[in-house]
C-alpha atoms as a PDB file:
ATOM      1  CA  UNK A   1     -91.360   1.840 -58.962  1.00  0.00           C
ATOM      2  CA  UNK A   2     -93.774   0.332 -61.468  1.00  0.00           C
ATOM      3  CA  UNK A   3     -91.174  -2.196 -62.656  1.00  0.00           C
ATOM      4  CA  UNK A   4     -90.308  -3.064 -59.059  1.00  0.00           C
ATOM      5  CA  UNK A   5     -93.958  -3.661 -58.198  1.00  0.00           C
ATOM      6  CA  UNK A   6     -94.490  -5.744 -61.339  1.00  0.00           C
ATOM      7  CA  UNK A   7     -91.541  -8.034 -60.744  1.00  0.00           C
ATOM      8  CA  UNK A   8     -92.604  -8.651 -57.129  1.00  0.00           C
ATOM      9  CA  UNK A   9     -96.132  -9.481 -58.246  1.00  0.00           C
ATOM     10  CA  UNK A  10     -94.753 -11.795 -60.924  1.00  0.00           C
ATOM     11  CA  UNK A  11     -92.599 -13.623 -58.388  1.00  0.00           C
ATOM     12  CA  UNK A  12     -95.474 -13.897 -55.923  1.00  0.00           C
ATOM     13  CA  UNK A  13     -97.856 -15.283 -58.548  1.00  0.00           C
ATOM     14  CA  UNK A  14     -95.413 -17.920 -59.748  1.00  0.00           C
ATOM     15  CA  UNK A  15     -94.614 -19.025 -56.202  1.00  0.00           C
ATOM     16  CA  UNK A  16     -98.287 -19.135 -55.320  1.00  0.00           C
ATOM     17  CA  UNK A  17     -98.987 -21.164 -58.445  1.00  0.00           C
ATOM     18  CA  UNK A  18     -96.097 -23.440 -57.541  1.00  0.00           C
ATOM     19  CA  UNK A  19     -97.586 -24.069 -54.116  1.00  0.00           C
ATOM     20  CA  UNK A  20    -100.853 -25.223 -55.656  1.00  0.00           C
ATOM     21  CA  UNK A  21     -99.033 -27.529 -58.066  1.00  0.00           C
ATOM     22  CA  UNK A  22     -97.064 -29.045 -55.186  1.00  0.00           C
ATOM     23  CA  UNK A  23    -100.317 -29.931 -53.467  1.00  0.00           C
ATOM     24  CA  UNK A  24    -101.638 -31.552 -56.624  1.00  0.00           C
ATOM     25  CA  UNK A  25     -98.513 -33.438 -57.641  1.00  0.00           C
ATOM     26  CA  UNK A  26     -97.113 -34.241 -54.210  1.00  0.00           C
ATOM     27  CA  UNK A  27     -93.634 -32.829 -54.937  1.00  0.00           C
ATOM     28  CA  UNK A  28     -91.559 -30.382 -56.907  1.00  0.00           C
ATOM     29  CA  UNK A  29     -91.257 -31.436 -60.539  1.00  0.00           C
ATOM     30  CA  UNK A  30     -88.610 -30.383 -62.999  1.00  0.00           C
ATOM     31  CA  UNK A  31     -91.128 -28.201 -64.829  1.00  0.00           C
ATOM     32  CA  UNK A  32     -92.105 -26.436 -61.623  1.00  0.00           C
ATOM     33  CA  UNK A  33     -88.484 -25.854 -60.685  1.00  0.00           C
ATOM     34  CA  UNK A  34     -87.765 -24.317 -64.094  1.00  0.00           C
ATOM     35  CA  UNK A  35     -90.858 -22.160 -63.772  1.00  0.00           C
ATOM     36  CA  UNK A  36     -89.703 -20.787 -60.439  1.00  0.00           C
ATOM     37  CA  UNK A  37     -86.132 -20.305 -61.622  1.00  0.00           C
ATOM     38  CA  UNK A  38     -87.368 -18.320 -64.622  1.00  0.00           C
ATOM     39  CA  UNK A  39     -89.469 -16.179 -62.298  1.00  0.00           C
ATOM     40  CA  UNK A  40     -86.362 -15.228 -60.362  1.00  0.00           C
ATOM     41  CA  UNK A  41     -84.375 -14.597 -63.545  1.00  0.00           C
ATOM     42  CA  UNK A  42     -87.126 -12.390 -64.927  1.00  0.00           C
ATOM     43  CA  UNK A  43     -87.391 -10.483 -61.650  1.00  0.00           C
ATOM     44  CA  UNK A  44     -83.675  -9.764 -61.563  1.00  0.00           C
ATOM     45  CA  UNK A  45     -83.492  -8.934 -65.272  1.00  0.00           C
ATOM     46  CA  UNK A  46     -86.292  -6.373 -64.989  1.00  0.00           C
ATOM     47  CA  UNK A  47     -84.566  -4.865 -61.979  1.00  0.00           C
ATOM     48  CA  UNK A  48     -81.256  -4.693 -63.877  1.00  0.00           C
ATOM     49  CA  UNK A  49     -82.568  -2.967 -66.991  1.00  0.00           C
ATOM     50  CA  UNK A  50     -84.669  -0.533 -64.983  1.00  0.00           C
ATOM     51  CA  UNK A  51     -81.366   1.239 -64.281  1.00  0.00           C
ATOM     52  CA  UNK A  52     -80.144   1.506 -67.876  1.00  0.00           C
ATOM     53  CA  UNK A  53     -77.237   3.854 -67.257  1.00  0.00           C
ATOM     54  CA  UNK A  54     -75.783   1.653 -64.509  1.00  0.00           C
ATOM     55  CA  UNK A  55     -76.350  -1.408 -66.722  1.00  0.00           C
ATOM     56  CA  UNK A  56     -74.269  -0.051 -69.596  1.00  0.00           C
ATOM     57  CA  UNK A  57     -71.649   1.493 -67.315  1.00  0.00           C
ATOM     58  CA  UNK A  58     -70.720  -1.999 -66.139  1.00  0.00           C
ATOM     59  CA  UNK A  59     -69.484  -2.811 -69.636  1.00  0.00           C
ATOM     60  CA  UNK A  60     -67.688   0.504 -69.893  1.00  0.00           C
ATOM     61  CA  UNK A  61     -65.978  -0.456 -66.633  1.00  0.00           C
ATOM     62  CA  UNK A  62     -64.839  -3.742 -68.208  1.00  0.00           C
ATOM     63  CA  UNK A  63     -63.246  -1.800 -71.067  1.00  0.00           C
ATOM     64  CA  UNK A  64     -61.496   0.609 -68.682  1.00  0.00           C
ATOM     65  CA  UNK A  65     -60.182  -2.260 -66.541  1.00  0.00           C
ATOM     66  CA  UNK A  66     -58.900  -4.152 -69.577  1.00  0.00           C
ATOM     67  CA  UNK A  67     -57.155  -1.111 -71.062  1.00  0.00           C
ATOM     68  CA  UNK A  68     -55.588  -0.243 -67.697  1.00  0.00           C
ATOM     69  CA  UNK A  69     -54.035  -3.670 -67.233  1.00  0.00           C
ATOM     70  CA  UNK A  70     -52.929  -3.792 -70.871  1.00  0.00           C
ATOM     71  CA  UNK A  71     -50.821  -0.658 -70.521  1.00  0.00           C
ATOM     72  CA  UNK A  72     -49.680  -1.644 -67.046  1.00  0.00           C
ATOM     73  CA  UNK A  73     -48.303  -4.828 -68.587  1.00  0.00           C
ATOM     74  CA  UNK A  74     -46.406  -2.680 -71.101  1.00  0.00           C
ATOM     75  CA  UNK A  75     -44.844  -0.753 -68.230  1.00  0.00           C
ATOM     76  CA  UNK A  76     -43.772  -3.926 -66.452  1.00  0.00           C
ATOM     77  CA  UNK A  77     -42.202  -5.346 -69.593  1.00  0.00           C
ATOM     78  CA  UNK A  78     -39.953  -8.309 -68.793  1.00  0.00           C
ATOM     79  CA  UNK A  79     -40.075  -7.721 -65.040  1.00  0.00           C
ATOM     80  CA  UNK A  80     -41.069 -10.896 -63.220  1.00  0.00           C
ATOM     81  CA  UNK A  81     -41.303 -12.943 -66.409  1.00  0.00           C
ATOM     82  CA  UNK A  82     -39.723 -15.950 -64.679  1.00  0.00           C
ATOM     83  CA  UNK A  83     -42.785 -16.173 -62.411  1.00  0.00           C
ATOM     84  CA  UNK A  84     -45.099 -16.074 -65.432  1.00  0.00           C
ATOM     85  CA  UNK A  85     -43.402 -18.775 -67.527  1.00  0.00           C
ATOM     86  CA  UNK A  86     -45.831 -21.537 -66.442  1.00  0.00           C
ATOM     87  CA  UNK A  87     -48.646 -19.439 -67.972  1.00  0.00           C
ATOM     88  CA  UNK A  88     -46.903 -18.313 -71.151  1.00  0.00           C
ATOM     89  CA  UNK A  89     -44.831 -15.409 -69.834  1.00  0.00           C
ATOM     90  CA  UNK A  90     -47.275 -12.583 -70.631  1.00  0.00           C
ATOM     91  CA  UNK A  91     -48.535 -10.533 -67.684  1.00  0.00           C
ATOM     92  CA  UNK A  92     -51.578  -9.095 -69.468  1.00  0.00           C
ATOM     93  CA  UNK A  93     -52.901 -12.546 -70.371  1.00  0.00           C
ATOM     94  CA  UNK A  94     -52.219 -13.687 -66.811  1.00  0.00           C
ATOM     95  CA  UNK A  95     -54.073 -10.835 -65.115  1.00  0.00           C
ATOM     96  CA  UNK A  96     -56.944 -10.808 -67.642  1.00  0.00           C
ATOM     97  CA  UNK A  97     -57.878 -14.381 -66.706  1.00  0.00           C
ATOM     98  CA  UNK A  98     -57.589 -13.428 -63.041  1.00  0.00           C
ATOM     99  CA  UNK A  99     -59.833 -10.381 -63.270  1.00  0.00           C
ATOM    100  CA  UNK A 100     -62.398 -12.224 -65.413  1.00  0.00           C
ATOM    101  CA  UNK A 101     -62.627 -15.230 -63.092  1.00  0.00           C
ATOM    102  CA  UNK A 102     -62.759 -13.001 -60.028  1.00  0.00           C
ATOM    103  CA  UNK A 103     -66.094 -11.787 -61.410  1.00  0.00           C
ATOM    104  CA  UNK A 104     -67.499 -15.210 -60.541  1.00  0.00           C
ATOM    105  CA  UNK A 105     -66.043 -15.039 -57.054  1.00  0.00           C
ATOM    106  CA  UNK A 106     -67.745 -11.716 -56.373  1.00  0.00           C
ATOM    107  CA  UNK A 107     -71.063 -12.973 -57.733  1.00  0.00           C
ATOM    108  CA  UNK A 108     -70.801 -16.229 -55.795  1.00  0.00           C
ATOM    109  CA  UNK A 109     -70.147 -14.386 -52.557  1.00  0.00           C
ATOM    110  CA  UNK A 110     -72.534 -11.454 -52.974  1.00  0.00           C
ATOM    111  CA  UNK A 111     -75.503 -12.540 -55.115  1.00  0.00           C
ATOM    112  CA  UNK A 112     -77.434 -14.668 -52.619  1.00  0.00           C
ATOM    113  CA  UNK A 113     -76.772 -12.382 -49.651  1.00  0.00           C
ATOM    114  CA  UNK A 114     -77.862  -9.384 -51.749  1.00  0.00           C
ATOM    115  CA  UNK A 115     -81.024 -11.234 -52.755  1.00  0.00           C
ATOM    116  CA  UNK A 116     -81.736 -12.089 -49.111  1.00  0.00           C
ATOM    117  CA  UNK A 117     -81.137  -8.503 -48.053  1.00  0.00           C
ATOM    118  CA  UNK A 118     -83.410  -7.213 -50.819  1.00  0.00           C
ATOM    119  CA  UNK A 119     -86.128  -9.630 -49.725  1.00  0.00           C
ATOM    120  CA  UNK A 120     -85.824  -8.359 -46.160  1.00  0.00           C
ATOM    121  CA  UNK A 121     -86.085  -4.732 -47.269  1.00  0.00           C
ATOM    122  CA  UNK A 122     -89.036  -5.322 -49.626  1.00  0.00           C
ATOM    123  CA  UNK A 123     -90.872  -7.742 -47.351  1.00  0.00           C
ATOM    124  CA  UNK A 124     -90.843 -10.609 -49.890  1.00  0.00           C
ATOM    125  CA  UNK A 125     -88.449 -12.890 -47.995  1.00  0.00           C
ATOM    126  CA  UNK A 126     -91.024 -14.190 -45.527  1.00  0.00           C
ATOM    127  CA  UNK A 127     -93.537 -14.880 -48.320  1.00  0.00           C
ATOM    128  CA  UNK A 128     -90.899 -16.893 -50.157  1.00  0.00           C
ATOM    129  CA  UNK A 129     -89.740 -18.935 -47.177  1.00  0.00           C
ATOM    130  CA  UNK A 130     -93.249 -19.920 -46.064  1.00  0.00           C
ATOM    131  CA  UNK A 131     -93.832 -21.630 -49.414  1.00  0.00           C
ATOM    132  CA  UNK A 132     -92.907 -25.281 -49.839  1.00  0.00           C
ATOM    133  CA  UNK A 133     -89.955 -24.350 -52.018  1.00  0.00           C
ATOM    134  CA  UNK A 134     -86.892 -26.326 -50.971  1.00  0.00           C
ATOM    135  CA  UNK A 135     -83.887 -24.412 -49.620  1.00  0.00           C
ATOM    136  CA  UNK A 136     -81.529 -25.559 -52.435  1.00  0.00           C
ATOM    137  CA  UNK A 137     -84.090 -24.374 -55.013  1.00  0.00           C
ATOM    138  CA  UNK A 138     -84.287 -20.960 -53.329  1.00  0.00           C
ATOM    139  CA  UNK A 139     -80.495 -20.688 -53.260  1.00  0.00           C
ATOM    140  CA  UNK A 140     -80.060 -21.636 -56.913  1.00  0.00           C
ATOM    141  CA  UNK A 141     -82.942 -19.541 -58.216  1.00  0.00           C
ATOM    142  CA  UNK A 142     -81.913 -16.453 -56.262  1.00  0.00           C
ATOM    143  CA  UNK A 143     -78.430 -16.504 -57.777  1.00  0.00           C
ATOM    144  CA  UNK A 144     -79.185 -17.750 -61.286  1.00  0.00           C
ATOM    145  CA  UNK A 145     -79.495 -14.398 -63.055  1.00  0.00           C
ATOM    146  CA  UNK A 146     -76.342 -13.085 -61.395  1.00  0.00           C
ATOM    147  CA  UNK A 147     -74.350 -16.014 -62.772  1.00  0.00           C
ATOM    148  CA  UNK A 148     -75.856 -15.610 -66.238  1.00  0.00           C
ATOM    149  CA  UNK A 149     -74.951 -11.923 -66.270  1.00  0.00           C
ATOM    150  CA  UNK A 150     -71.500 -12.649 -64.820  1.00  0.00           C
ATOM    151  CA  UNK A 151     -70.880 -15.179 -67.602  1.00  0.00           C
ATOM    152  CA  UNK A 152     -71.746 -12.510 -70.152  1.00  0.00           C
ATOM    153  CA  UNK A 153     -69.288 -10.077 -68.549  1.00  0.00           C
ATOM    154  CA  UNK A 154     -66.542 -12.713 -68.427  1.00  0.00           C
ATOM    155  CA  UNK A 155     -67.138 -13.405 -72.122  1.00  0.00           C
ATOM    156  CA  UNK A 156     -66.690  -9.676 -72.824  1.00  0.00           C
ATOM    157  CA  UNK A 157     -63.374  -9.690 -70.941  1.00  0.00           C
ATOM    158  CA  UNK A 158     -62.085 -12.681 -72.883  1.00  0.00           C
ATOM    159  CA  UNK A 159     -63.324 -11.450 -76.270  1.00  0.00           C
ATOM    160  CA  UNK A 160     -61.721  -8.048 -75.714  1.00  0.00           C
ATOM    161  CA  UNK A 161     -58.498  -9.743 -74.700  1.00  0.00           C
ATOM    162  CA  UNK A 162     -58.454 -12.099 -77.678  1.00  0.00           C
ATOM    163  CA  UNK A 163     -59.674  -9.872 -80.513  1.00  0.00           C
ATOM    164  CA  UNK A 164     -58.578  -6.386 -79.425  1.00  0.00           C
ATOM    165  CA  UNK A 165     -55.471  -6.916 -77.297  1.00  0.00           C
ATOM    166  CA  UNK A 166     -54.085 -10.067 -78.883  1.00  0.00           C
ATOM    167  CA  UNK A 167     -54.308 -12.603 -76.053  1.00  0.00           C
ATOM    168  CA  UNK A 168     -53.559 -16.008 -77.549  1.00  0.00           C
ATOM    169  CA  UNK A 169     -56.109 -18.635 -76.515  1.00  0.00           C
ATOM    170  CA  UNK A 170     -56.038 -20.579 -79.771  1.00  0.00           C
ATOM    171  CA  UNK A 171     -54.905 -23.808 -78.114  1.00  0.00           C
ATOM    172  CA  UNK A 172     -57.250 -23.552 -75.134  1.00  0.00           C
ATOM    173  CA  UNK A 173     -58.555 -26.722 -73.501  1.00  0.00           C
ATOM    174  CA  UNK A 174     -62.178 -25.561 -73.450  1.00  0.00           C
ATOM    175  CA  UNK A 175     -63.594 -28.723 -71.879  1.00  0.00           C
ATOM    176  CA  UNK A 176     -61.047 -28.537 -69.084  1.00  0.00           C
ATOM    177  CA  UNK A 177     -61.746 -24.825 -68.613  1.00  0.00           C
ATOM    178  CA  UNK A 178     -65.505 -25.483 -68.422  1.00  0.00           C
ATOM    179  CA  UNK A 179     -65.037 -28.231 -65.824  1.00  0.00           C
ATOM    180  CA  UNK A 180     -62.840 -25.957 -63.715  1.00  0.00           C
ATOM    181  CA  UNK A 181     -65.392 -23.159 -64.072  1.00  0.00           C
ATOM    182  CA  UNK A 182     -68.218 -25.424 -62.905  1.00  0.00           C
ATOM    183  CA  UNK A 183     -66.279 -26.571 -59.852  1.00  0.00           C
ATOM    184  CA  UNK A 184     -65.199 -22.980 -59.220  1.00  0.00           C
ATOM    185  CA  UNK A 185     -68.798 -21.768 -59.104  1.00  0.00           C
ATOM    186  CA  UNK A 186     -69.797 -24.572 -56.731  1.00  0.00           C
ATOM    187  CA  UNK A 187     -66.884 -24.024 -54.350  1.00  0.00           C
ATOM    188  CA  UNK A 188     -67.176 -20.221 -54.403  1.00  0.00           C
ATOM    189  CA  UNK A 189     -70.943 -20.373 -53.952  1.00  0.00           C
ATOM    190  CA  UNK A 190     -70.545 -22.428 -50.797  1.00  0.00           C
ATOM    191  CA  UNK A 191     -68.903 -19.447 -49.137  1.00  0.00           C
ATOM    192  CA  UNK A 192     -71.627 -17.210 -50.596  1.00  0.00           C
ATOM    193  CA  UNK A 193     -74.319 -19.357 -48.975  1.00  0.00           C
ATOM    194  CA  UNK A 194     -72.565 -19.073 -45.615  1.00  0.00           C
ATOM    195  CA  UNK A 195     -72.333 -15.311 -46.166  1.00  0.00           C
ATOM    196  CA  UNK A 196     -76.077 -15.191 -46.846  1.00  0.00           C
ATOM    197  CA  UNK A 197     -76.665 -17.107 -43.606  1.00  0.00           C
ATOM    198  CA  UNK A 198     -75.033 -14.297 -41.658  1.00  0.00           C
ATOM    199  CA  UNK A 199     -77.206 -11.757 -43.495  1.00  0.00           C
ATOM    200  CA  UNK A 200     -80.298 -13.816 -42.664  1.00  0.00           C
ATOM    201  CA  UNK A 201     -79.539 -13.638 -38.940  1.00  0.00           C
ATOM    202  CA  UNK A 202     -77.517 -10.437 -38.482  1.00  0.00           C
ATOM    203  CA  UNK A 203     -79.138  -8.337 -41.278  1.00  0.00           C
ATOM    204  CA  UNK A 204     -75.901  -6.335 -41.586  1.00  0.00           C
ATOM    205  CA  UNK A 205     -72.289  -6.872 -40.610  1.00  0.00           C
ATOM    206  CA  UNK A 206     -71.552 -10.013 -42.650  1.00  0.00           C
ATOM    207  CA  UNK A 207     -67.851 -10.839 -42.084  1.00  0.00           C
ATOM    208  CA  UNK A 208     -67.635 -13.777 -44.512  1.00  0.00           C
ATOM    209  CA  UNK A 209     -67.946 -11.781 -47.748  1.00  0.00           C
ATOM    210  CA  UNK A 210     -65.335  -9.193 -46.790  1.00  0.00           C
ATOM    211  CA  UNK A 211     -62.887 -11.720 -45.365  1.00  0.00           C
ATOM    212  CA  UNK A 212     -63.113 -14.307 -48.145  1.00  0.00           C
ATOM    213  CA  UNK A 213     -62.984 -11.761 -50.983  1.00  0.00           C
ATOM    214  CA  UNK A 214     -59.975  -9.878 -49.628  1.00  0.00           C
ATOM    215  CA  UNK A 215     -57.985 -12.922 -48.576  1.00  0.00           C
ATOM    216  CA  UNK A 216     -58.645 -14.516 -51.968  1.00  0.00           C
ATOM    217  CA  UNK A 217     -57.540 -11.355 -53.774  1.00  0.00           C
ATOM    218  CA  UNK A 218     -54.301 -11.074 -51.794  1.00  0.00           C
ATOM    219  CA  UNK A 219     -53.241 -14.710 -51.516  1.00  0.00           C
ATOM    220  CA  UNK A 220     -55.053 -16.452 -54.388  1.00  0.00           C
ATOM    221  CA  UNK A 221     -52.987 -15.233 -57.343  1.00  0.00           C
ATOM    222  CA  UNK A 222     -55.371 -12.658 -58.784  1.00  0.00           C
ATOM    223  CA  UNK A 223     -52.882  -9.953 -59.796  1.00  0.00           C
ATOM    224  CA  UNK A 224     -49.616 -11.833 -59.367  1.00  0.00           C
ATOM    225  CA  UNK A 225     -48.521 -15.476 -59.193  1.00  0.00           C
ATOM    226  CA  UNK A 226     -48.675 -17.109 -55.787  1.00  0.00           C
ATOM    227  CA  UNK A 227     -45.001 -17.997 -56.210  1.00  0.00           C
ATOM    228  CA  UNK A 228     -43.941 -14.359 -55.627  1.00  0.00           C
ATOM    229  CA  UNK A 229     -45.164 -14.577 -52.029  1.00  0.00           C
ATOM    230  CA  UNK A 230     -42.847 -15.667 -49.211  1.00  0.00           C
ATOM    231  CA  UNK A 231     -42.987 -19.412 -48.618  1.00  0.00           C
ATOM    232  CA  UNK A 232     -44.857 -19.052 -45.324  1.00  0.00           C
ATOM    233  CA  UNK A 233     -47.552 -16.886 -46.943  1.00  0.00           C
ATOM    234  CA  UNK A 234     -47.942 -19.293 -49.850  1.00  0.00           C
ATOM    235  CA  UNK A 235     -49.359 -21.775 -47.342  1.00  0.00           C
ATOM    236  CA  UNK A 236     -52.406 -19.515 -46.978  1.00  0.00           C
ATOM    237  CA  UNK A 237     -53.121 -19.858 -50.694  1.00  0.00           C
ATOM    238  CA  UNK A 238     -53.271 -23.648 -50.395  1.00  0.00           C
ATOM    239  CA  UNK A 239     -56.513 -23.475 -48.407  1.00  0.00           C
ATOM    240  CA  UNK A 240     -58.257 -21.099 -50.849  1.00  0.00           C
ATOM    241  CA  UNK A 241     -60.304 -22.506 -53.751  1.00  0.00           C
ATOM    242  CA  UNK A 242     -59.509 -19.431 -55.853  1.00  0.00           C
ATOM    243  CA  UNK A 243     -55.840 -20.496 -56.003  1.00  0.00           C
ATOM    244  CA  UNK A 244     -56.714 -23.712 -57.817  1.00  0.00           C
ATOM    245  CA  UNK A 245     -59.391 -22.035 -59.938  1.00  0.00           C
ATOM    246  CA  UNK A 246     -57.029 -19.372 -61.274  1.00  0.00           C
ATOM    247  CA  UNK A 247     -54.116 -21.746 -61.777  1.00  0.00           C
ATOM    248  CA  UNK A 248     -56.230 -24.327 -63.584  1.00  0.00           C
ATOM    249  CA  UNK A 249     -58.083 -21.790 -65.717  1.00  0.00           C
ATOM    250  CA  UNK A 250     -54.862 -20.085 -66.817  1.00  0.00           C
ATOM    251  CA  UNK A 251     -53.256 -23.396 -67.727  1.00  0.00           C
ATOM    252  CA  UNK A 252     -56.371 -24.498 -69.630  1.00  0.00           C
ATOM    253  CA  UNK A 253     -56.938 -21.266 -71.574  1.00  0.00           C
ATOM    254  CA  UNK A 254     -53.417 -19.932 -72.086  1.00  0.00           C
ATOM    255  CA  UNK A 255     -51.403 -23.152 -72.383  1.00  0.00           C
ATOM    256  CA  UNK A 256     -54.043 -25.646 -73.503  1.00  0.00           C
ATOM    257  CA  UNK A 257     -52.849 -28.015 -70.779  1.00  0.00           C
ATOM    258  CA  UNK A 258     -54.073 -31.611 -70.767  1.00  0.00           C
ATOM    259  CA  UNK A 259     -56.421 -33.070 -68.180  1.00  0.00           C
ATOM    260  CA  UNK A 260     -53.446 -34.830 -66.610  1.00  0.00           C
ATOM    261  CA  UNK A 261     -51.810 -31.453 -65.949  1.00  0.00           C
ATOM    262  CA  UNK A 262     -55.077 -29.915 -64.754  1.00  0.00           C
ATOM    263  CA  UNK A 263     -55.991 -32.826 -62.494  1.00  0.00           C
ATOM    264  CA  UNK A 264     -54.421 -31.476 -59.240  1.00  0.00           C
ATOM    265  CA  UNK A 265     -56.485 -28.289 -59.530  1.00  0.00           C
ATOM    266  CA  UNK A 266     -59.628 -30.206 -60.519  1.00  0.00           C
ATOM    267  CA  UNK A 267     -59.274 -32.615 -57.585  1.00  0.00           C
ATOM    268  CA  UNK A 268     -58.675 -29.752 -55.143  1.00  0.00           C
ATOM    269  CA  UNK A 269     -61.807 -27.945 -56.342  1.00  0.00           C
ATOM    270  CA  UNK A 270     -63.806 -31.175 -56.117  1.00  0.00           C
ATOM    271  CA  UNK A 271     -62.720 -31.614 -52.497  1.00  0.00           C
ATOM    272  CA  UNK A 272     -63.734 -28.034 -51.680  1.00  0.00           C
ATOM    273  CA  UNK A 273     -67.114 -28.579 -53.382  1.00  0.00           C
ATOM    274  CA  UNK A 274     -67.855 -31.929 -51.724  1.00  0.00           C
ATOM    275  CA  UNK A 275     -67.063 -30.609 -48.254  1.00  0.00           C
ATOM    276  CA  UNK A 276     -68.263 -27.013 -48.398  1.00  0.00           C
ATOM    277  CA  UNK A 277     -71.532 -27.257 -50.370  1.00  0.00           C
ATOM    278  CA  UNK A 278     -73.412 -29.592 -47.969  1.00  0.00           C
ATOM    279  CA  UNK A 279     -71.948 -27.706 -45.011  1.00  0.00           C
ATOM    280  CA  UNK A 280     -73.074 -24.333 -46.383  1.00  0.00           C
ATOM    281  CA  UNK A 281     -76.618 -25.569 -47.084  1.00  0.00           C
ATOM    282  CA  UNK A 282     -76.797 -26.942 -43.537  1.00  0.00           C
ATOM    283  CA  UNK A 283     -75.663 -23.575 -42.136  1.00  0.00           C
ATOM    284  CA  UNK A 284     -78.250 -21.768 -44.286  1.00  0.00           C
ATOM    285  CA  UNK A 285     -81.035 -24.079 -43.068  1.00  0.00           C
ATOM    286  CA  UNK A 286     -80.012 -23.331 -39.485  1.00  0.00           C
ATOM    287  CA  UNK A 287     -80.054 -19.592 -40.215  1.00  0.00           C
ATOM    288  CA  UNK A 288     -83.545 -19.791 -41.734  1.00  0.00           C
ATOM    289  CA  UNK A 289     -84.775 -21.850 -38.783  1.00  0.00           C
ATOM    290  CA  UNK A 290     -83.351 -19.338 -36.308  1.00  0.00           C
ATOM    291  CA  UNK A 291     -84.826 -16.357 -38.180  1.00  0.00           C
ATOM    292  CA  UNK A 292     -88.235 -18.047 -38.220  1.00  0.00           C
ATOM    293  CA  UNK A 293     -88.103 -18.948 -34.530  1.00  0.00           C
ATOM    294  CA  UNK A 294     -86.997 -15.415 -33.613  1.00  0.00           C
ATOM    295  CA  UNK A 295     -89.672 -13.897 -35.854  1.00  0.00           C
ATOM    296  CA  UNK A 296     -87.107 -11.694 -37.601  1.00  0.00           C
ATOM    297  CA  UNK A 297     -87.730 -12.593 -41.247  1.00  0.00           C
ATOM    298  CA  UNK A 298     -89.465  -9.281 -41.879  1.00  0.00           C
ATOM    299  CA  UNK A 299     -86.995  -7.207 -39.898  1.00  0.00           C
ATOM    300  CA  UNK A 300     -84.217  -5.314 -41.619  1.00  0.00           C
END
């Protein structure tokens, strides 16, 4: 309880200080934005480590997941290898990239809505939204720690795969993988912002998170290549950003594919990002406006 109170006070003080600086400077500066972002990161970090057992169990869960899929791949053997040839022919390498990248999808979908819900429960949401902090700054700052921590977990997945279970990523196109990752986060986060908009208005019963996560897991190529699906179901995968994220990331890390080979996936993710990000921010602004007009910011 002490840590919870301290992090809320810290956030309040930084936001209050930011409001005074806005008045003096006439706008949000880069320094002020960084200050606020760090306040959110610190708040979430303190909250995370206050539950030490749960914190460390997340990494134990990564180990269990990795070991499970490693031995499952041994059981499958050569079954379905023809579907895996574009990615090197090894199922464990294929599914490891899928599980690791899916971590970002879950964070993108859940982090902002969880932060909004927490603010509703603790009564800090209204205090935050009445400041002159811009909506995009609130969105980015609220999710920043979750993405930092997710990146750390993804690194653990990949390091375990490479150094313990022998996944070959020696020829990886790291620049291409980073570009795909950046576009992946943007496109995934757009759906997360829309999900948070539902939480802002409905409090509970957000359909976007459940629907997007499950459809992406089934049709996006997480555990198996999209090509194993019937042709008519493969069409569903074409409208999911996760399909292009997983395909591009596997080609970049496992095959070291050139930018020319990766370009279809990169372009698809760029289209998703260009369309969905402005749309999601607009939807979130509308949700905030409605919650303010209804006087429901403090209700949960």
